[in-house]
Amino acid sequence: MALQAWGDVDIDGLVDEMLRWADGMPLERRAAMAALCEPRLLRTRRTVVATLAILDRLTRSIVDAVDPAAPDVRVLRQALGYGWSVAIAADAMLGQPIFEPWLAEPNPDVRWIVRENLAKARLVKAAPHLVERARARP
């Protein structure tokens, strides 16, 4: 992906631009998430913190979506189904407290996002206690 190639040479520039894209239309938001949710790019605290903030904002946008069944919103939701696990695996200490409140969200699309991420081996390895607590929830 071209955005990730940009991040390889200028991660700070990519992060700054993706923070702007995260306020765009659903497909722009999806691109922002996909650009940053790449393990090789999540090497600095600043990048992980910014990526987690974007994921949190994008997940909130799913809750607030006027038409959650719209194709572009569905594409964003599907991407969020893996993005959280990538970011949390990069730094579980930073990621868990931001992700954990979403475990209790009643929105069915967010529940799907949470379930998808909890099923990822990288999340089970990086944050086993989080996955265990989440699976024990009713």
N, C-alpha and C. Protein backbone atom coordinates (compact mmCIF):
# COMPACT_ATOMS: atom_id res chain seq x y z
N MET A 1 0.84 -1.17 0.00
CA MET A 1 0.00 0.00 0.00
C MET A 1 0.89 1.24 0.00
N ALA A 2 0.56 2.19 -0.84
CA ALA A 2 1.37 3.41 -0.99
C ALA A 2 1.49 4.20 0.31
N LEU A 3 0.41 4.27 1.07
CA LEU A 3 0.47 5.02 2.33
C LEU A 3 1.46 4.38 3.30
N GLN A 4 1.50 3.06 3.34
CA GLN A 4 2.46 2.40 4.22
C GLN A 4 3.88 2.62 3.76
N ALA A 5 4.10 2.70 2.45
CA ALA A 5 5.43 3.01 1.93
C ALA A 5 5.85 4.41 2.38
N TRP A 6 4.91 5.33 2.39
CA TRP A 6 5.18 6.68 2.90
C TRP A 6 5.59 6.58 4.38
N GLY A 7 4.86 5.78 5.14
CA GLY A 7 5.18 5.60 6.55
C GLY A 7 6.56 5.02 6.78
N ASP A 8 7.03 4.19 5.87
CA ASP A 8 8.37 3.62 5.99
C ASP A 8 9.45 4.70 5.98
N VAL A 9 9.18 5.81 5.28
CA VAL A 9 10.19 6.86 5.18
C VAL A 9 9.86 8.11 6.00
N ASP A 10 8.58 8.29 6.34
CA ASP A 10 8.17 9.49 7.10
C ASP A 10 6.94 9.16 7.94
N ILE A 11 7.14 8.42 8.99
CA ILE A 11 6.01 7.98 9.81
C ILE A 11 5.29 9.16 10.45
N ASP A 12 6.03 10.18 10.87
CA ASP A 12 5.37 11.33 11.48
C ASP A 12 4.47 12.06 10.50
N GLY A 13 4.91 12.21 9.27
CA GLY A 13 4.08 12.84 8.24
C GLY A 13 2.84 12.01 7.95
N LEU A 14 3.00 10.70 7.88
CA LEU A 14 1.85 9.82 7.64
C LEU A 14 0.86 9.91 8.79
N VAL A 15 1.35 9.85 10.02
CA VAL A 15 0.46 9.92 11.19
C VAL A 15 -0.32 11.23 11.17
N ASP A 16 0.36 12.33 10.92
CA ASP A 16 -0.33 13.63 10.90
C ASP A 16 -1.43 13.66 9.85
N GLU A 17 -1.14 13.13 8.67
CA GLU A 17 -2.15 13.13 7.60
C GLU A 17 -3.30 12.17 7.92
N MET A 18 -2.98 11.01 8.49
CA MET A 18 -4.03 10.04 8.79
C MET A 18 -4.94 10.53 9.92
N LEU A 19 -4.42 11.35 10.81
CA LEU A 19 -5.28 11.97 11.82
C LEU A 19 -6.33 12.86 11.15
N ARG A 20 -5.96 13.50 10.05
CA ARG A 20 -6.93 14.31 9.30
C ARG A 20 -7.92 13.40 8.54
N TRP A 21 -7.39 12.37 7.90
CA TRP A 21 -8.26 11.47 7.15
C TRP A 21 -9.29 10.79 8.04
N ALA A 22 -8.94 10.61 9.29
CA ALA A 22 -9.84 9.92 10.23
C ALA A 22 -11.13 10.70 10.46
N ASP A 23 -11.18 11.94 10.03
CA ASP A 23 -12.40 12.74 10.13
C ASP A 23 -13.15 12.81 8.81
N GLY A 24 -12.69 12.08 7.81
CA GLY A 24 -13.29 12.14 6.49
C GLY A 24 -14.48 11.21 6.32
N MET A 25 -14.75 10.89 5.09
CA MET A 25 -15.82 9.96 4.74
C MET A 25 -15.40 8.54 5.17
N PRO A 26 -16.35 7.61 5.25
CA PRO A 26 -16.01 6.27 5.74
C PRO A 26 -14.84 5.59 5.01
N LEU A 27 -14.73 5.74 3.71
CA LEU A 27 -13.63 5.09 3.00
C LEU A 27 -12.30 5.78 3.29
N GLU A 28 -12.30 7.08 3.52
CA GLU A 28 -11.09 7.78 3.94
C GLU A 28 -10.68 7.31 5.34
N ARG A 29 -11.67 7.15 6.20
CA ARG A 29 -11.38 6.67 7.55
C ARG A 29 -10.80 5.26 7.50
N ARG A 30 -11.36 4.44 6.65
CA ARG A 30 -10.85 3.07 6.49
C ARG A 30 -9.41 3.10 5.99
N ALA A 31 -9.11 3.97 5.04
CA ALA A 31 -7.74 4.08 4.52
C ALA A 31 -6.77 4.54 5.61
N ALA A 32 -7.21 5.47 6.44
CA ALA A 32 -6.36 5.94 7.54
C ALA A 32 -6.01 4.79 8.48
N MET A 33 -7.02 4.01 8.82
CA MET A 33 -6.80 2.87 9.71
C MET A 33 -5.88 1.84 9.06
N ALA A 34 -6.15 1.50 7.82
CA ALA A 34 -5.36 0.48 7.13
C ALA A 34 -3.92 0.93 6.93
N ALA A 35 -3.72 2.21 6.71
CA ALA A 35 -2.36 2.73 6.52
C ALA A 35 -1.52 2.54 7.77
N LEU A 36 -2.11 2.75 8.92
CA LEU A 36 -1.35 2.70 10.17
C LEU A 36 -1.34 1.33 10.85
N CYS A 37 -2.33 0.52 10.59
CA CYS A 37 -2.42 -0.79 11.26
C CYS A 37 -1.56 -1.82 10.53
N GLU A 38 -0.29 -1.54 10.55
CA GLU A 38 0.72 -2.40 9.95
C GLU A 38 1.84 -2.55 10.98
N PRO A 39 2.13 -3.78 11.42
CA PRO A 39 3.11 -3.96 12.50
C PRO A 39 4.43 -3.23 12.30
N ARG A 40 4.93 -3.21 11.09
CA ARG A 40 6.24 -2.58 10.88
C ARG A 40 6.21 -1.07 11.12
N LEU A 41 5.01 -0.47 11.06
CA LEU A 41 4.89 0.97 11.26
C LEU A 41 4.62 1.33 12.73
N LEU A 42 4.15 0.38 13.49
CA LEU A 42 3.76 0.64 14.88
C LEU A 42 4.95 0.40 15.82
N ARG A 43 6.00 1.16 15.62
CA ARG A 43 7.23 0.96 16.37
C ARG A 43 7.47 2.03 17.44
N THR A 44 6.82 3.17 17.30
CA THR A 44 7.04 4.23 18.29
C THR A 44 5.77 4.46 19.10
N ARG A 45 5.97 4.97 20.30
CA ARG A 45 4.83 5.26 21.18
C ARG A 45 3.88 6.24 20.49
N ARG A 46 4.41 7.29 19.87
CA ARG A 46 3.57 8.29 19.21
C ARG A 46 2.69 7.64 18.14
N THR A 47 3.26 6.77 17.35
CA THR A 47 2.50 6.12 16.28
C THR A 47 1.41 5.22 16.86
N VAL A 48 1.73 4.47 17.88
CA VAL A 48 0.74 3.58 18.50
C VAL A 48 -0.38 4.40 19.14
N VAL A 49 -0.01 5.44 19.87
CA VAL A 49 -1.02 6.28 20.54
C VAL A 49 -1.95 6.91 19.50
N ALA A 50 -1.38 7.45 18.43
CA ALA A 50 -2.20 8.08 17.38
C ALA A 50 -3.10 7.04 16.71
N THR A 51 -2.57 5.87 16.45
CA THR A 51 -3.36 4.81 15.80
C THR A 51 -4.50 4.37 16.70
N LEU A 52 -4.23 4.21 17.98
CA LEU A 52 -5.31 3.84 18.91
C LEU A 52 -6.37 4.93 18.99
N ALA A 53 -5.95 6.18 18.97
CA ALA A 53 -6.92 7.29 18.99
C ALA A 53 -7.79 7.26 17.74
N ILE A 54 -7.18 6.96 16.61
CA ILE A 54 -7.94 6.85 15.36
C ILE A 54 -8.92 5.69 15.45
N LEU A 55 -8.46 4.54 15.91
CA LEU A 55 -9.35 3.38 16.03
C LEU A 55 -10.53 3.68 16.95
N ASP A 56 -10.26 4.35 18.04
CA ASP A 56 -11.33 4.71 18.97
C ASP A 56 -12.34 5.63 18.29
N ARG A 57 -11.83 6.63 17.59
CA ARG A 57 -12.71 7.57 16.89
C ARG A 57 -13.51 6.87 15.79
N LEU A 58 -12.87 5.97 15.06
CA LEU A 58 -13.56 5.27 13.98
C LEU A 58 -14.61 4.30 14.52
N THR A 59 -14.31 3.68 15.64
CA THR A 59 -15.30 2.79 16.25
C THR A 59 -16.50 3.60 16.71
N ARG A 60 -16.26 4.76 17.28
CA ARG A 60 -17.36 5.66 17.67
C ARG A 60 -18.18 6.04 16.45
N SER A 61 -17.53 6.23 15.30
CA SER A 61 -18.26 6.60 14.09
C SER A 61 -19.19 5.48 13.63
N ILE A 62 -18.85 4.25 13.95
CA ILE A 62 -19.73 3.12 13.62
C ILE A 62 -20.99 3.22 14.47
N VAL A 63 -20.83 3.53 15.74
CA VAL A 63 -21.98 3.69 16.64
C VAL A 63 -22.88 4.83 16.15
N ASP A 64 -22.26 5.91 15.70
CA ASP A 64 -22.99 7.11 15.32
C ASP A 64 -23.44 7.12 13.86
N ALA A 65 -23.16 6.07 13.11
CA ALA A 65 -23.48 6.04 11.68
C ALA A 65 -24.97 6.22 11.43
N VAL A 66 -25.29 7.12 10.53
CA VAL A 66 -26.69 7.35 10.16
C VAL A 66 -27.25 6.13 9.45
N ASP A 67 -26.44 5.53 8.58
CA ASP A 67 -26.87 4.34 7.85
C ASP A 67 -25.80 3.26 8.01
N PRO A 68 -25.87 2.48 9.10
CA PRO A 68 -24.82 1.48 9.34
C PRO A 68 -24.75 0.39 8.28
N ALA A 69 -25.79 0.25 7.47
CA ALA A 69 -25.79 -0.77 6.42
C ALA A 69 -25.20 -0.26 5.11
N ALA A 70 -24.85 1.01 5.04
CA ALA A 70 -24.27 1.57 3.82
C ALA A 70 -22.98 0.82 3.48
N PRO A 71 -22.73 0.58 2.20
CA PRO A 71 -21.53 -0.19 1.82
C PRO A 71 -20.22 0.39 2.34
N ASP A 72 -20.07 1.71 2.33
CA ASP A 72 -18.81 2.28 2.79
C ASP A 72 -18.64 2.14 4.30
N VAL A 73 -19.72 2.19 5.03
CA VAL A 73 -19.66 1.98 6.49
C VAL A 73 -19.36 0.51 6.77
N ARG A 74 -19.93 -0.38 5.99
CA ARG A 74 -19.65 -1.81 6.15
C ARG A 74 -18.17 -2.11 5.91
N VAL A 75 -17.58 -1.49 4.90
CA VAL A 75 -16.15 -1.68 4.61
C VAL A 75 -15.30 -1.19 5.78
N LEU A 76 -15.66 -0.04 6.34
CA LEU A 76 -14.96 0.48 7.52
C LEU A 76 -15.08 -0.50 8.68
N ARG A 77 -16.29 -0.99 8.92
CA ARG A 77 -16.51 -1.94 10.03
C ARG A 77 -15.66 -3.19 9.84
N GLN A 78 -15.60 -3.70 8.62
CA GLN A 78 -14.81 -4.90 8.37
C GLN A 78 -13.33 -4.66 8.64
N ALA A 79 -12.84 -3.49 8.27
CA ALA A 79 -11.43 -3.17 8.54
C ALA A 79 -11.17 -3.07 10.03
N LEU A 80 -12.11 -2.48 10.75
CA LEU A 80 -11.96 -2.39 12.21
C LEU A 80 -11.96 -3.78 12.85
N GLY A 81 -12.46 -4.77 12.13
CA GLY A 81 -12.47 -6.14 12.63
C GLY A 81 -11.09 -6.74 12.76
N TYR A 82 -10.07 -6.09 12.22
CA TYR A 82 -8.70 -6.56 12.43
C TYR A 82 -7.79 -5.47 12.98
N GLY A 83 -8.13 -4.22 12.76
CA GLY A 83 -7.23 -3.12 13.11
C GLY A 83 -6.88 -3.03 14.58
N TRP A 84 -7.88 -3.19 15.43
CA TRP A 84 -7.63 -3.11 16.87
C TRP A 84 -6.59 -4.13 17.31
N SER A 85 -6.70 -5.35 16.83
CA SER A 85 -5.77 -6.39 17.27
C SER A 85 -4.34 -6.08 16.85
N VAL A 86 -4.15 -5.47 15.69
CA VAL A 86 -2.81 -5.10 15.23
C VAL A 86 -2.22 -4.04 16.16
N ALA A 87 -3.01 -3.02 16.46
CA ALA A 87 -2.51 -1.92 17.30
C ALA A 87 -2.27 -2.38 18.74
N ILE A 88 -3.16 -3.18 19.27
CA ILE A 88 -2.97 -3.67 20.65
C ILE A 88 -1.76 -4.59 20.72
N ALA A 89 -1.56 -5.40 19.70
CA ALA A 89 -0.39 -6.29 19.68
C ALA A 89 0.91 -5.49 19.66
N ALA A 90 0.87 -4.29 19.09
CA ALA A 90 2.07 -3.45 19.05
C ALA A 90 2.43 -2.93 20.44
N ASP A 91 1.42 -2.65 21.27
CA ASP A 91 1.67 -2.19 22.64
C ASP A 91 0.41 -2.44 23.47
N ALA A 92 0.37 -3.60 24.07
CA ALA A 92 -0.83 -4.00 24.82
C ALA A 92 -1.11 -3.09 26.01
N MET A 93 -0.07 -2.57 26.64
CA MET A 93 -0.27 -1.68 27.79
C MET A 93 -0.99 -0.40 27.39
N LEU A 94 -0.72 0.10 26.21
CA LEU A 94 -1.41 1.29 25.71
C LEU A 94 -2.79 0.94 25.15
N GLY A 95 -2.87 -0.18 24.46
CA GLY A 95 -4.09 -0.52 23.74
C GLY A 95 -5.23 -1.04 24.57
N GLN A 96 -4.94 -1.85 25.56
CA GLN A 96 -6.01 -2.47 26.34
C GLN A 96 -6.96 -1.47 26.98
N PRO A 97 -6.46 -0.43 27.65
CA PRO A 97 -7.41 0.48 28.31
C PRO A 97 -8.29 1.25 27.33
N ILE A 98 -7.84 1.41 26.10
CA ILE A 98 -8.65 2.12 25.10
C ILE A 98 -9.68 1.17 24.48
N PHE A 99 -9.30 -0.08 24.31
CA PHE A 99 -10.19 -1.07 23.70
C PHE A 99 -11.23 -1.59 24.69
N GLU A 100 -10.84 -1.73 25.94
CA GLU A 100 -11.69 -2.39 26.93
C GLU A 100 -13.10 -1.79 27.05
N PRO A 101 -13.29 -0.48 27.03
CA PRO A 101 -14.66 0.04 27.12
C PRO A 101 -15.57 -0.44 25.99
N TRP A 102 -14.99 -0.75 24.84
CA TRP A 102 -15.80 -1.23 23.72
C TRP A 102 -16.37 -2.62 23.98
N LEU A 103 -15.81 -3.35 24.94
CA LEU A 103 -16.32 -4.68 25.25
C LEU A 103 -17.77 -4.63 25.73
N ALA A 104 -18.16 -3.53 26.33
CA ALA A 104 -19.51 -3.40 26.89
C ALA A 104 -20.47 -2.67 25.95
N GLU A 105 -20.02 -2.29 24.79
CA GLU A 105 -20.87 -1.54 23.85
C GLU A 105 -21.98 -2.44 23.30
N PRO A 106 -23.24 -2.02 23.40
CA PRO A 106 -24.34 -2.85 22.93
C PRO A 106 -24.56 -2.82 21.41
N ASN A 107 -23.99 -1.85 20.73
CA ASN A 107 -24.18 -1.75 19.28
C ASN A 107 -23.74 -3.05 18.60
N PRO A 108 -24.60 -3.67 17.79
CA PRO A 108 -24.26 -4.97 17.20
C PRO A 108 -23.05 -4.91 16.26
N ASP A 109 -22.87 -3.80 15.57
CA ASP A 109 -21.70 -3.70 14.69
C ASP A 109 -20.41 -3.62 15.50
N VAL A 110 -20.43 -2.90 16.59
CA VAL A 110 -19.24 -2.82 17.45
C VAL A 110 -19.01 -4.16 18.13
N ARG A 111 -20.06 -4.83 18.52
CA ARG A 111 -19.89 -6.17 19.12
C ARG A 111 -19.21 -7.11 18.12
N TRP A 112 -19.57 -6.98 16.85
CA TRP A 112 -18.93 -7.78 15.80
C TRP A 112 -17.45 -7.42 15.70
N ILE A 113 -17.12 -6.13 15.70
CA ILE A 113 -15.73 -5.67 15.64
C ILE A 113 -14.94 -6.26 16.80
N VAL A 114 -15.49 -6.18 17.99
CA VAL A 114 -14.83 -6.70 19.19
C VAL A 114 -14.61 -8.20 19.05
N ARG A 115 -15.64 -8.93 18.67
CA ARG A 115 -15.53 -10.39 18.53
C ARG A 115 -14.46 -10.77 17.51
N GLU A 116 -14.43 -10.09 16.39
CA GLU A 116 -13.44 -10.39 15.36
C GLU A 116 -12.02 -10.19 15.89
N ASN A 117 -11.79 -9.10 16.59
CA ASN A 117 -10.46 -8.84 17.12
C ASN A 117 -10.07 -9.83 18.20
N LEU A 118 -11.01 -10.20 19.05
CA LEU A 118 -10.72 -11.16 20.11
C LEU A 118 -10.35 -12.53 19.56
N ALA A 119 -10.75 -12.81 18.34
CA ALA A 119 -10.45 -14.10 17.72
C ALA A 119 -9.07 -14.13 17.05
N LYS A 120 -8.41 -13.01 16.97
CA LYS A 120 -7.11 -12.94 16.29
C LYS A 120 -6.00 -13.48 17.19
N ALA A 121 -5.21 -14.38 16.64
CA ALA A 121 -4.11 -15.00 17.41
C ALA A 121 -3.15 -13.95 17.95
N ARG A 122 -2.91 -12.88 17.18
CA ARG A 122 -1.96 -11.86 17.65
C ARG A 122 -2.47 -11.19 18.92
N LEU A 123 -3.80 -11.03 19.05
CA LEU A 123 -4.35 -10.41 20.26
C LEU A 123 -4.31 -11.39 21.42
N VAL A 124 -4.62 -12.64 21.16
CA VAL A 124 -4.56 -13.67 22.21
C VAL A 124 -3.14 -13.75 22.77
N LYS A 125 -2.14 -13.63 21.90
CA LYS A 125 -0.74 -13.70 22.33
C LYS A 125 -0.33 -12.42 23.07
N ALA A 126 -0.73 -11.27 22.56
CA ALA A 126 -0.28 -9.99 23.14
C ALA A 126 -1.02 -9.61 24.41
N ALA A 127 -2.28 -9.99 24.50
CA ALA A 127 -3.11 -9.55 25.64
C ALA A 127 -4.01 -10.69 26.10
N PRO A 128 -3.43 -11.80 26.57
CA PRO A 128 -4.24 -12.96 26.93
C PRO A 128 -5.26 -12.67 28.04
N HIS A 129 -4.90 -11.82 28.99
CA HIS A 129 -5.83 -11.53 30.08
C HIS A 129 -7.03 -10.72 29.58
N LEU A 130 -6.80 -9.81 28.65
CA LEU A 130 -7.89 -9.06 28.05
C LEU A 130 -8.86 -9.99 27.33
N VAL A 131 -8.31 -10.89 26.54
CA VAL A 131 -9.15 -11.84 25.79
C VAL A 131 -9.92 -12.73 26.75
N GLU A 132 -9.24 -13.20 27.79
CA GLU A 132 -9.90 -14.06 28.78
C GLU A 132 -11.05 -13.33 29.48
N ARG A 133 -10.80 -12.08 29.91
CA ARG A 133 -11.86 -11.29 30.56
C ARG A 133 -13.02 -11.03 29.60
N ALA A 134 -12.69 -10.73 28.36
CA ALA A 134 -13.74 -10.44 27.38
C ALA A 134 -14.59 -11.67 27.11
N ARG A 135 -13.97 -12.80 27.00
CA ARG A 135 -14.72 -14.03 26.73
C ARG A 135 -15.57 -14.46 27.92
N ALA A 136 -15.21 -14.02 29.10
CA ALA A 136 -15.96 -14.37 30.31
C ALA A 136 -17.18 -13.46 30.50
N ARG A 137 -17.23 -12.37 29.73
CA ARG A 137 -18.37 -11.43 29.85
C ARG A 137 -19.63 -12.07 29.30
N PRO A 138 -20.78 -11.72 29.88
CA PRO A 138 -22.04 -12.26 29.35
C PRO A 138 -22.37 -11.72 27.99
